[in-house]
PDB file of N, CA and C in Angstrom:
ATOM      1  N   MET A   1     181.908  10.311 -23.929  1.00  0.00           N
ATOM      2  CA  MET A   1     181.052   9.167 -23.728  1.00  0.00           C
ATOM      3  C   MET A   1     181.864   8.079 -23.016  1.00  0.00           C
ATOM      4  N   THR A   2     181.332   7.588 -21.927  1.00  0.00           N
ATOM      5  CA  THR A   2     182.028   6.575 -21.141  1.00  0.00           C
ATOM      6  C   THR A   2     181.288   5.240 -21.218  1.00  0.00           C
ATOM      7  N   LEU A   3     181.914   4.232 -20.687  1.00  0.00           N
ATOM      8  CA  LEU A   3     181.295   2.911 -20.633  1.00  0.00           C
ATOM      9  C   LEU A   3     180.025   2.961 -19.772  1.00  0.00           C
ATOM     10  N   ALA A   4     180.036   3.756 -18.729  1.00  0.00           N
ATOM     11  CA  ALA A   4     178.842   3.910 -17.884  1.00  0.00           C
ATOM     12  C   ALA A   4     177.683   4.499 -18.689  1.00  0.00           C
ATOM     13  N   ASP A   5     177.984   5.453 -19.578  1.00  0.00           N
ATOM     14  CA  ASP A   5     176.942   6.032 -20.430  1.00  0.00           C
ATOM     15  C   ASP A   5     176.339   4.974 -21.346  1.00  0.00           C
ATOM     16  N   LEU A   6     177.201   4.129 -21.918  1.00  0.00           N
ATOM     17  CA  LEU A   6     176.711   3.051 -22.795  1.00  0.00           C
ATOM     18  C   LEU A   6     175.863   2.065 -22.014  1.00  0.00           C
ATOM     19  N   ARG A   7     176.290   1.746 -20.816  1.00  0.00           N
ATOM     20  CA  ARG A   7     175.543   0.804 -19.986  1.00  0.00           C
ATOM     21  C   ARG A   7     174.147   1.342 -19.682  1.00  0.00           C
ATOM     22  N   LYS A   8     174.059   2.611 -19.322  1.00  0.00           N
ATOM     23  CA  LYS A   8     172.765   3.228 -19.026  1.00  0.00           C
ATOM     24  C   LYS A   8     171.863   3.229 -20.258  1.00  0.00           C
ATOM     25  N   LEU A   9     172.422   3.569 -21.407  1.00  0.00           N
ATOM     26  CA  LEU A   9     171.646   3.595 -22.651  1.00  0.00           C
ATOM     27  C   LEU A   9     171.139   2.202 -23.002  1.00  0.00           C
ATOM     28  N   ALA A  10     171.998   1.203 -22.865  1.00  0.00           N
ATOM     29  CA  ALA A  10     171.613  -0.176 -23.172  1.00  0.00           C
ATOM     30  C   ALA A  10     170.469  -0.641 -22.284  1.00  0.00           C
ATOM     31  N   ILE A  11     170.520  -0.291 -21.009  1.00  0.00           N
ATOM     32  CA  ILE A  11     169.457  -0.675 -20.077  1.00  0.00           C
ATOM     33  C   ILE A  11     168.174   0.081 -20.404  1.00  0.00           C
ATOM     34  N   ARG A  12     168.287   1.392 -20.561  1.00  0.00           N
ATOM     35  CA  ARG A  12     167.112   2.239 -20.778  1.00  0.00           C
ATOM     36  C   ARG A  12     166.375   1.885 -22.063  1.00  0.00           C
ATOM     37  N   LYS A  13     167.134   1.636 -23.145  1.00  0.00           N
ATOM     38  CA  LYS A  13     166.530   1.378 -24.452  1.00  0.00           C
ATOM     39  C   LYS A  13     166.422  -0.110 -24.779  1.00  0.00           C
ATOM     40  N   GLN A  14     166.874  -0.981 -23.847  1.00  0.00           N
ATOM     41  CA  GLN A  14     166.865  -2.432 -24.059  1.00  0.00           C
ATOM     42  C   GLN A  14     167.572  -2.788 -25.364  1.00  0.00           C
ATOM     43  N   LEU A  15     168.846  -2.403 -25.431  1.00  0.00           N
ATOM     44  CA  LEU A  15     169.681  -2.627 -26.607  1.00  0.00           C
ATOM     45  C   LEU A  15     170.892  -3.466 -26.253  1.00  0.00           C
ATOM     46  N   LYS A  16     171.442  -4.081 -27.279  1.00  0.00           N
ATOM     47  CA  LYS A  16     172.786  -4.642 -27.200  1.00  0.00           C
ATOM     48  C   LYS A  16     173.635  -3.723 -28.064  1.00  0.00           C
ATOM     49  N   ILE A  17     174.700  -3.195 -27.483  1.00  0.00           N
ATOM     50  CA  ILE A  17     175.566  -2.260 -28.196  1.00  0.00           C
ATOM     51  C   ILE A  17     176.905  -2.949 -28.429  1.00  0.00           C
ATOM     52  N   HIS A  18     177.270  -3.113 -29.690  1.00  0.00           N
ATOM     53  CA  HIS A  18     178.502  -3.797 -30.086  1.00  0.00           C
ATOM     54  C   HIS A  18     179.527  -2.765 -30.554  1.00  0.00           C
ATOM     55  N   PHE A  19     180.798  -2.993 -30.201  1.00  0.00           N
ATOM     56  CA  PHE A  19     181.886  -2.207 -30.797  1.00  0.00           C
ATOM     57  C   PHE A  19     183.142  -3.057 -30.859  1.00  0.00           C
ATOM     58  N   ARG A  20     183.972  -2.760 -31.849  1.00  0.00           N
ATOM     59  CA  ARG A  20     185.207  -3.520 -32.077  1.00  0.00           C
ATOM     60  C   ARG A  20     186.332  -3.010 -31.203  1.00  0.00           C
ATOM     61  N   LEU A  21     187.138  -3.946 -30.722  1.00  0.00           N
ATOM     62  CA  LEU A  21     188.337  -3.629 -29.954  1.00  0.00           C
ATOM     63  C   LEU A  21     189.523  -3.566 -30.908  1.00  0.00           C
ATOM     64  N   ALA A  22     190.604  -2.968 -30.469  1.00  0.00           N
ATOM     65  CA  ALA A  22     191.793  -2.842 -31.307  1.00  0.00           C
ATOM     66  C   ALA A  22     192.372  -4.202 -31.695  1.00  0.00           C
ATOM     67  N   ASN A  23     192.178  -5.218 -30.856  1.00  0.00           N
ATOM     68  CA  ASN A  23     192.723  -6.548 -31.143  1.00  0.00           C
ATOM     69  C   ASN A  23     191.823  -7.366 -32.074  1.00  0.00           C
ATOM     70  N   GLY A  24     190.735  -6.745 -32.585  1.00  0.00           N
ATOM     71  CA  GLY A  24     189.845  -7.431 -33.517  1.00  0.00           C
ATOM     72  C   GLY A  24     188.657  -8.104 -32.871  1.00  0.00           C
ATOM     73  N   MET A  25     188.661  -8.218 -31.556  1.00  0.00           N
ATOM     74  CA  MET A  25     187.528  -8.816 -30.858  1.00  0.00           C
ATOM     75  C   MET A  25     186.398  -7.790 -30.750  1.00  0.00           C
ATOM     76  N   GLU A  26     185.266  -8.265 -30.274  1.00  0.00           N
ATOM     77  CA  GLU A  26     184.105  -7.390 -30.155  1.00  0.00           C
ATOM     78  C   GLU A  26     183.635  -7.343 -28.710  1.00  0.00           C
ATOM     79  N   CYS A  27     183.266  -6.148 -28.256  1.00  0.00           N
ATOM     80  CA  CYS A  27     182.668  -5.969 -26.942  1.00  0.00           C
ATOM     81  C   CYS A  27     181.178  -5.763 -27.151  1.00  0.00           C
ATOM     82  N   VAL A  28     180.386  -6.388 -26.301  1.00  0.00           N
ATOM     83  CA  VAL A  28     178.932  -6.238 -26.347  1.00  0.00           C
ATOM     84  C   VAL A  28     178.462  -5.773 -24.974  1.00  0.00           C
ATOM     85  N   VAL A  29     177.777  -4.630 -24.957  1.00  0.00           N
ATOM     86  CA  VAL A  29     177.133  -4.170 -23.730  1.00  0.00           C
ATOM     87  C   VAL A  29     175.686  -4.614 -23.871  1.00  0.00           C
ATOM     88  N   ASN A  30     175.263  -5.542 -23.006  1.00  0.00           N
ATOM     89  CA  ASN A  30     173.923  -6.121 -23.166  1.00  0.00           C
ATOM     90  C   ASN A  30     172.848  -5.274 -22.507  1.00  0.00           C
ATOM     91  N   GLU A  31     171.599  -5.709 -22.630  1.00  0.00           N
ATOM     92  CA  GLU A  31     170.449  -4.967 -22.116  1.00  0.00           C
ATOM     93  C   GLU A  31     170.421  -4.879 -20.593  1.00  0.00           C
ATOM     94  N   HIS A  32     171.311  -5.603 -19.939  1.00  0.00           N
ATOM     95  CA  HIS A  32     171.429  -5.545 -18.481  1.00  0.00           C
ATOM     96  C   HIS A  32     172.572  -4.630 -18.054  1.00  0.00           C
ATOM     97  N   GLY A  33     173.259  -4.042 -19.026  1.00  0.00           N
ATOM     98  CA  GLY A  33     174.360  -3.139 -18.735  1.00  0.00           C
ATOM     99  C   GLY A  33     175.690  -3.830 -18.517  1.00  0.00           C
ATOM    100  N   VAL A  34     175.768  -5.100 -18.841  1.00  0.00           N
ATOM    101  CA  VAL A  34     176.995  -5.864 -18.640  1.00  0.00           C
ATOM    102  C   VAL A  34     177.832  -5.824 -19.918  1.00  0.00           C
ATOM    103  N   ALA A  35     179.083  -5.399 -19.801  1.00  0.00           N
ATOM    104  CA  ALA A  35     180.004  -5.380 -20.938  1.00  0.00           C
ATOM    105  C   ALA A  35     180.718  -6.725 -20.998  1.00  0.00           C
ATOM    106  N   GLN A  36     180.654  -7.356 -22.169  1.00  0.00           N
ATOM    107  CA  GLN A  36     181.259  -8.677 -22.343  1.00  0.00           C
ATOM    108  C   GLN A  36     182.103  -8.705 -23.608  1.00  0.00           C
ATOM    109  N   VAL A  37     183.167  -9.469 -23.554  1.00  0.00           N
ATOM    110  CA  VAL A  37     183.980  -9.762 -24.735  1.00  0.00           C
ATOM    111  C   VAL A  37     183.916 -11.277 -24.887  1.00  0.00           C
ATOM    112  N   PRO A  38     182.937 -11.781 -25.671  1.00  0.00           N
ATOM    113  CA  PRO A  38     182.672 -13.217 -25.729  1.00  0.00           C
ATOM    114  C   PRO A  38     183.867 -14.086 -26.119  1.00  0.00           C
ATOM    115  N   GLU A  39     184.744 -13.589 -26.983  1.00  0.00           N
ATOM    116  CA  GLU A  39     185.870 -14.414 -27.443  1.00  0.00           C
ATOM    117  C   GLU A  39     187.027 -14.455 -26.456  1.00  0.00           C
ATOM    118  N   TRP A  40     187.021 -13.591 -25.457  1.00  0.00           N
ATOM    119  CA  TRP A  40     188.173 -13.481 -24.568  1.00  0.00           C
ATOM    120  C   TRP A  40     188.200 -14.597 -23.539  1.00  0.00           C
ATOM    121  N   ARG A  41     189.359 -15.157 -23.351  1.00  0.00           N
ATOM    122  CA  ARG A  41     189.593 -16.172 -22.330  1.00  0.00           C
ATOM    123  C   ARG A  41     190.790 -15.716 -21.497  1.00  0.00           C
ATOM    124  N   GLY A  42     190.671 -15.777 -20.214  1.00  0.00           N
ATOM    125  CA  GLY A  42     191.786 -15.403 -19.351  1.00  0.00           C
ATOM    126  C   GLY A  42     191.670 -13.974 -18.849  1.00  0.00           C
ATOM    127  N   ILE A  43     192.799 -13.447 -18.391  1.00  0.00           N
ATOM    128  CA  ILE A  43     192.862 -12.096 -17.844  1.00  0.00           C
ATOM    129  C   ILE A  43     193.055 -11.121 -18.996  1.00  0.00           C
ATOM    130  N   PRO A  44     192.199 -10.089 -19.095  1.00  0.00           N
ATOM    131  CA  PRO A  44     192.326  -9.154 -20.218  1.00  0.00           C
ATOM    132  C   PRO A  44     193.592  -8.314 -20.117  1.00  0.00           C
ATOM    133  N   ASP A  45     194.164  -8.032 -21.263  1.00  0.00           N
ATOM    134  CA  ASP A  45     195.343  -7.174 -21.319  1.00  0.00           C
ATOM    135  C   ASP A  45     194.975  -5.830 -21.952  1.00  0.00           C
ATOM    136  N   PHE A  46     193.724  -5.436 -21.773  1.00  0.00           N
ATOM    137  CA  PHE A  46     193.244  -4.171 -22.326  1.00  0.00           C
ATOM    138  C   PHE A  46     192.258  -3.554 -21.345  1.00  0.00           C
ATOM    139  N   ASN A  47     191.958  -2.276 -21.559  1.00  0.00           N
ATOM    140  CA  ASN A  47     191.018  -1.545 -20.720  1.00  0.00           C
ATOM    141  C   ASN A  47     189.824  -1.167 -21.602  1.00  0.00           C
ATOM    142  N   LEU A  48     188.635  -1.580 -21.214  1.00  0.00           N
ATOM    143  CA  LEU A  48     187.460  -1.316 -22.046  1.00  0.00           C
ATOM    144  C   LEU A  48     187.172   0.175 -22.198  1.00  0.00           C
ATOM    145  N   GLU A  49     187.453   0.980 -21.185  1.00  0.00           N
ATOM    146  CA  GLU A  49     187.255   2.434 -21.313  1.00  0.00           C
ATOM    147  C   GLU A  49     188.144   2.992 -22.416  1.00  0.00           C
ATOM    148  N   GLU A  50     189.402   2.546 -22.460  1.00  0.00           N
ATOM    149  CA  GLU A  50     190.326   3.010 -23.497  1.00  0.00           C
ATOM    150  C   GLU A  50     189.908   2.502 -24.870  1.00  0.00           C
ATOM    151  N   GLU A  51     189.457   1.263 -24.931  1.00  0.00           N
ATOM    152  CA  GLU A  51     189.000   0.695 -26.199  1.00  0.00           C
ATOM    153  C   GLU A  51     187.766   1.442 -26.705  1.00  0.00           C
ATOM    154  N   LEU A  52     186.869   1.783 -25.805  1.00  0.00           N
ATOM    155  CA  LEU A  52     185.671   2.538 -26.180  1.00  0.00           C
ATOM    156  C   LEU A  52     186.051   3.906 -26.727  1.00  0.00           C
ATOM    157  N   ALA A  53     187.044   4.536 -26.120  1.00  0.00           N
ATOM    158  CA  ALA A  53     187.480   5.860 -26.564  1.00  0.00           C
ATOM    159  C   ALA A  53     187.983   5.846 -28.001  1.00  0.00           C
ATOM    160  N   SER A  54     188.511   4.708 -28.447  1.00  0.00           N
ATOM    161  CA  SER A  54     189.031   4.642 -29.816  1.00  0.00           C
ATOM    162  C   SER A  54     188.032   4.050 -30.815  1.00  0.00           C
ATOM    163  N   ALA A  55     186.883   3.585 -30.332  1.00  0.00           N
ATOM    164  CA  ALA A  55     185.876   3.008 -31.230  1.00  0.00           C
ATOM    165  C   ALA A  55     185.177   4.115 -32.015  1.00  0.00           C
ATOM    166  N   ALA A  56     184.990   3.888 -33.307  1.00  0.00           N
ATOM    167  CA  ALA A  56     184.358   4.893 -34.159  1.00  0.00           C
ATOM    168  C   ALA A  56     182.970   4.481 -34.625  1.00  0.00           C
ATOM    169  N   GLU A  57     182.693   3.177 -34.595  1.00  0.00           N
ATOM    170  CA  GLU A  57     181.433   2.677 -35.121  1.00  0.00           C
ATOM    171  C   GLU A  57     180.812   1.682 -34.147  1.00  0.00           C
ATOM    172  N   PHE A  58     179.491   1.726 -34.030  1.00  0.00           N
ATOM    173  CA  PHE A  58     178.769   0.893 -33.082  1.00  0.00           C
ATOM    174  C   PHE A  58     177.572   0.255 -33.766  1.00  0.00           C
ATOM    175  N   LEU A  59     177.221  -0.934 -33.319  1.00  0.00           N
ATOM    176  CA  LEU A  59     176.040  -1.626 -33.829  1.00  0.00           C
ATOM    177  C   LEU A  59     175.018  -1.668 -32.698  1.00  0.00           C
ATOM    178  N   LEU A  60     173.826  -1.126 -32.967  1.00  0.00           N
ATOM    179  CA  LEU A  60     172.745  -1.138 -31.987  1.00  0.00           C
ATOM    180  C   LEU A  60     171.757  -2.223 -32.387  1.00  0.00           C
ATOM    181  N   GLU A  61     171.551  -3.170 -31.485  1.00  0.00           N
ATOM    182  CA  GLU A  61     170.690  -4.316 -31.764  1.00  0.00           C
ATOM    183  C   GLU A  61     169.602  -4.390 -30.686  1.00  0.00           C
ATOM    184  N   PRO A  62     168.329  -4.451 -31.097  1.00  0.00           N
ATOM    185  CA  PRO A  62     167.271  -4.590 -30.092  1.00  0.00           C
ATOM    186  C   PRO A  62     167.444  -5.891 -29.318  1.00  0.00           C
ATOM    187  N   ALA A  63     167.326  -5.830 -27.997  1.00  0.00           N
ATOM    188  CA  ALA A  63     167.550  -7.017 -27.171  1.00  0.00           C
ATOM    189  C   ALA A  63     166.284  -7.825 -26.954  1.00  0.00           C
ATOM    190  N   GLY A  64     165.165  -7.155 -26.878  1.00  0.00           N
ATOM    191  CA  GLY A  64     163.918  -7.851 -26.584  1.00  0.00           C
ATOM    192  C   GLY A  64     163.325  -8.520 -27.805  1.00  0.00           C
ATOM    193  N   ALA A  65     162.262  -9.263 -27.564  1.00  0.00           N
ATOM    194  CA  ALA A  65     161.548  -9.911 -28.668  1.00  0.00           C
ATOM    195  C   ALA A  65     160.863  -8.844 -29.505  1.00  0.00           C
ATOM    196  N   THR A  66     161.019  -8.953 -30.800  1.00  0.00           N
ATOM    197  CA  THR A  66     160.393  -7.993 -31.697  1.00  0.00           C
ATOM    198  C   THR A  66     159.212  -8.638 -32.396  1.00  0.00           C
ATOM    199  N   ASP A  67     158.386  -7.830 -32.975  1.00  0.00           N
ATOM    200  CA  ASP A  67     157.230  -8.301 -33.722  1.00  0.00           C
ATOM    201  C   ASP A  67     157.721  -9.058 -34.954  1.00  0.00           C
ATOM    202  N   PRO A  68     157.359 -10.336 -35.113  1.00  0.00           N
ATOM    203  CA  PRO A  68     157.845 -11.120 -36.253  1.00  0.00           C
ATOM    204  C   PRO A  68     157.436 -10.543 -37.613  1.00  0.00           C
ATOM    205  N   LYS A  69     156.313  -9.834 -37.643  1.00  0.00           N
ATOM    206  CA  LYS A  69     155.871  -9.240 -38.905  1.00  0.00           C
ATOM    207  C   LYS A  69     156.651  -7.977 -39.242  1.00  0.00           C
ATOM    208  N   HIS A  70     157.141  -7.299 -38.211  1.00  0.00           N
ATOM    209  CA  HIS A  70     157.890  -6.056 -38.401  1.00  0.00           C
ATOM    210  C   HIS A  70     159.169  -6.081 -37.571  1.00  0.00           C
ATOM    211  N   PRO A  71     160.116  -6.938 -37.930  1.00  0.00           N
ATOM    212  CA  PRO A  71     161.336  -7.032 -37.119  1.00  0.00           C
ATOM    213  C   PRO A  71     162.155  -5.740 -37.210  1.00  0.00           C
ATOM    214  N   VAL A  72     162.756  -5.383 -36.113  1.00  0.00           N
ATOM    215  CA  VAL A  72     163.633  -4.221 -36.074  1.00  0.00           C
ATOM    216  C   VAL A  72     165.043  -4.709 -36.355  1.00  0.00           C
ATOM    217  N   LYS A  73     165.637  -4.181 -37.402  1.00  0.00           N
ATOM    218  CA  LYS A  73     166.981  -4.610 -37.787  1.00  0.00           C
ATOM    219  C   LYS A  73     168.032  -3.844 -36.993  1.00  0.00           C
ATOM    220  N   PRO A  74     169.142  -4.498 -36.716  1.00  0.00           N
ATOM    221  CA  PRO A  74     170.251  -3.785 -36.079  1.00  0.00           C
ATOM    222  C   PRO A  74     170.719  -2.657 -36.988  1.00  0.00           C
ATOM    223  N   ARG A  75     171.194  -1.580 -36.380  1.00  0.00           N
ATOM    224  CA  ARG A  75     171.679  -0.471 -37.199  1.00  0.00           C
ATOM    225  C   ARG A  75     173.046  -0.019 -36.726  1.00  0.00           C
ATOM    226  N   THR A  76     173.828   0.424 -37.660  1.00  0.00           N
ATOM    227  CA  THR A  76     175.168   0.906 -37.373  1.00  0.00           C
ATOM    228  C   THR A  76     175.115   2.420 -37.211  1.00  0.00           C
ATOM    229  N   VAL A  77     175.768   2.914 -36.163  1.00  0.00           N
ATOM    230  CA  VAL A  77     175.817   4.352 -35.915  1.00  0.00           C
ATOM    231  C   VAL A  77     177.262   4.780 -35.692  1.00  0.00           C
ATOM    232  N   ALA A  78     177.528   6.032 -36.021  1.00  0.00           N
ATOM    233  CA  ALA A  78     178.853   6.605 -35.798  1.00  0.00           C
ATOM    234  C   ALA A  78     178.968   7.060 -34.346  1.00  0.00           C
ATOM    235  N   ARG A  79     180.170   7.310 -33.916  1.00  0.00           N
ATOM    236  CA  ARG A  79     180.441   7.716 -32.545  1.00  0.00           C
ATOM    237  C   ARG A  79     179.645   8.963 -32.155  1.00  0.00           C
ATOM    238  N   GLY A  80     179.588   9.941 -33.017  1.00  0.00           N
ATOM    239  CA  GLY A  80     178.884  11.187 -32.719  1.00  0.00           C
ATOM    240  C   GLY A  80     177.399  10.966 -32.475  1.00  0.00           C
ATOM    241  N   GLU A  81     176.775  10.124 -33.291  1.00  0.00           N
ATOM    242  CA  GLU A  81     175.353   9.842 -33.129  1.00  0.00           C
ATOM    243  C   GLU A  81     175.088   9.105 -31.818  1.00  0.00           C
ATOM    244  N   LEU A  82     175.950   8.146 -31.481  1.00  0.00           N
ATOM    245  CA  LEU A  82     175.781   7.411 -30.235  1.00  0.00           C
ATOM    246  C   LEU A  82     175.998   8.327 -29.031  1.00  0.00           C
ATOM    247  N   ALA A  83     176.982   9.217 -29.133  1.00  0.00           N
ATOM    248  CA  ALA A  83     177.225  10.168 -28.049  1.00  0.00           C
ATOM    249  C   ALA A  83     175.998  11.058 -27.844  1.00  0.00           C
ATOM    250  N   ALA A  84     175.358  11.457 -28.940  1.00  0.00           N
ATOM    251  CA  ALA A  84     174.142  12.269 -28.836  1.00  0.00           C
ATOM    252  C   ALA A  84     173.029  11.477 -28.153  1.00  0.00           C
ATOM    253  N   LEU A  85     172.903  10.196 -28.470  1.00  0.00           N
ATOM    254  CA  LEU A  85     171.879   9.362 -27.827  1.00  0.00           C
ATOM    255  C   LEU A  85     172.123   9.254 -26.329  1.00  0.00           C
ATOM    256  N   THR A  86     173.371   9.147 -25.924  1.00  0.00           N
ATOM    257  CA  THR A  86     173.662   9.021 -24.494  1.00  0.00           C
ATOM    258  C   THR A  86     173.389  10.326 -23.767  1.00  0.00           C
ATOM    259  N   THR A  87     173.666  11.477 -24.386  1.00  0.00           N
ATOM    260  CA  THR A  87     173.414  12.751 -23.710  1.00  0.00           C
ATOM    261  C   THR A  87     171.926  13.057 -23.670  1.00  0.00           C
ATOM    262  N   VAL A  88     171.186  12.714 -24.714  1.00  0.00           N
ATOM    263  CA  VAL A  88     169.739  12.923 -24.727  1.00  0.00           C
ATOM    264  C   VAL A  88     169.095  12.035 -23.671  1.00  0.00           C
ATOM    265  N   GLY A  89     169.533  10.789 -23.581  1.00  0.00           N
ATOM    266  CA  GLY A  89     168.997   9.862 -22.583  1.00  0.00           C
ATOM    267  C   GLY A  89     169.293  10.328 -21.170  1.00  0.00           C
ATOM    268  N   ALA A  90     170.483  10.860 -20.946  1.00  0.00           N
ATOM    269  CA  ALA A  90     170.856  11.334 -19.620  1.00  0.00           C
ATOM    270  C   ALA A  90     170.033  12.562 -19.245  1.00  0.00           C
ATOM    271  N   ALA A  91     169.788  13.444 -20.203  1.00  0.00           N
ATOM    272  CA  ALA A  91     168.993  14.640 -19.938  1.00  0.00           C
ATOM    273  C   ALA A  91     167.554  14.258 -19.609  1.00  0.00           C
ATOM    274  N   ALA A  92     167.014  13.284 -20.315  1.00  0.00           N
ATOM    275  CA  ALA A  92     165.637  12.832 -20.064  1.00  0.00           C
ATOM    276  C   ALA A  92     165.530  12.183 -18.688  1.00  0.00           C
ATOM    277  N   ALA A  93     166.516  11.395 -18.323  1.00  0.00           N
ATOM    278  CA  ALA A  93     166.502  10.745 -17.013  1.00  0.00           C
ATOM    279  C   ALA A  93     166.606  11.787 -15.903  1.00  0.00           C
ATOM    280  N   GLY A  94     167.407  12.806 -16.117  1.00  0.00           N
ATOM    281  CA  GLY A  94     167.538  13.880 -15.138  1.00  0.00           C
ATOM    282  C   GLY A  94     166.240  14.645 -14.983  1.00  0.00           C
ATOM    283  N   ALA A  95     165.526  14.887 -16.084  1.00  0.00           N
ATOM    284  CA  ALA A  95     164.255  15.597 -16.037  1.00  0.00           C
ATOM    285  C   ALA A  95     163.209  14.773 -15.284  1.00  0.00           C
ATOM    286  N   GLU A  96     163.229  13.461 -15.431  1.00  0.00           N
ATOM    287  CA  GLU A  96     162.285  12.608 -14.713  1.00  0.00           C
ATOM    288  C   GLU A  96     162.498  12.723 -13.202  1.00  0.00           C
ATOM    289  N   HIS A  97     163.751  12.791 -12.775  1.00  0.00           N
ATOM    290  CA  HIS A  97     164.043  12.875 -11.348  1.00  0.00           C
ATOM    291  C   HIS A  97     163.673  14.241 -10.772  1.00  0.00           C
ATOM    292  N   GLU A  98     163.758  15.292 -11.573  1.00  0.00           N
ATOM    293  CA  GLU A  98     163.405  16.615 -11.110  1.00  0.00           C
ATOM    294  C   GLU A  98     161.909  16.743 -10.877  1.00  0.00           C
ATOM    295  N   GLU A  99     161.107  16.031 -11.673  1.00  0.00           N
ATOM    296  CA  GLU A  99     159.653  16.109 -11.562  1.00  0.00           C
ATOM    297  C   GLU A  99     159.124  15.379 -10.329  1.00  0.00           C
ATOM    298  N   GLU A 100     159.853  14.416  -9.816  1.00  0.00           N
ATOM    299  CA  GLU A 100     159.376  13.609  -8.680  1.00  0.00           C
ATOM    300  C   GLU A 100     159.410  14.357  -7.393  1.00  0.00           C
TER     301      GLU A 100
END
């Protein structure tokens, strides 16, 4: 699973995907596919691809407005489950292009 896979999933499912970096900060891939480290100031001394490779847990948060009567809560997923979501999403996107 790469950062590009997370970006595609975040865009396709309109999610914010959070994961912790080794330095304790958090990376958020937003619904536009942009990876951000909100607490970071200056030039990064880390590589997000490498940090993603070592991340074991992710928080999936709906990005869009949810129904106030039935709010969708953020959920925590393990690396394996998120990897499965990215491969299923990629397979579905590939099938859509084959049909056109």
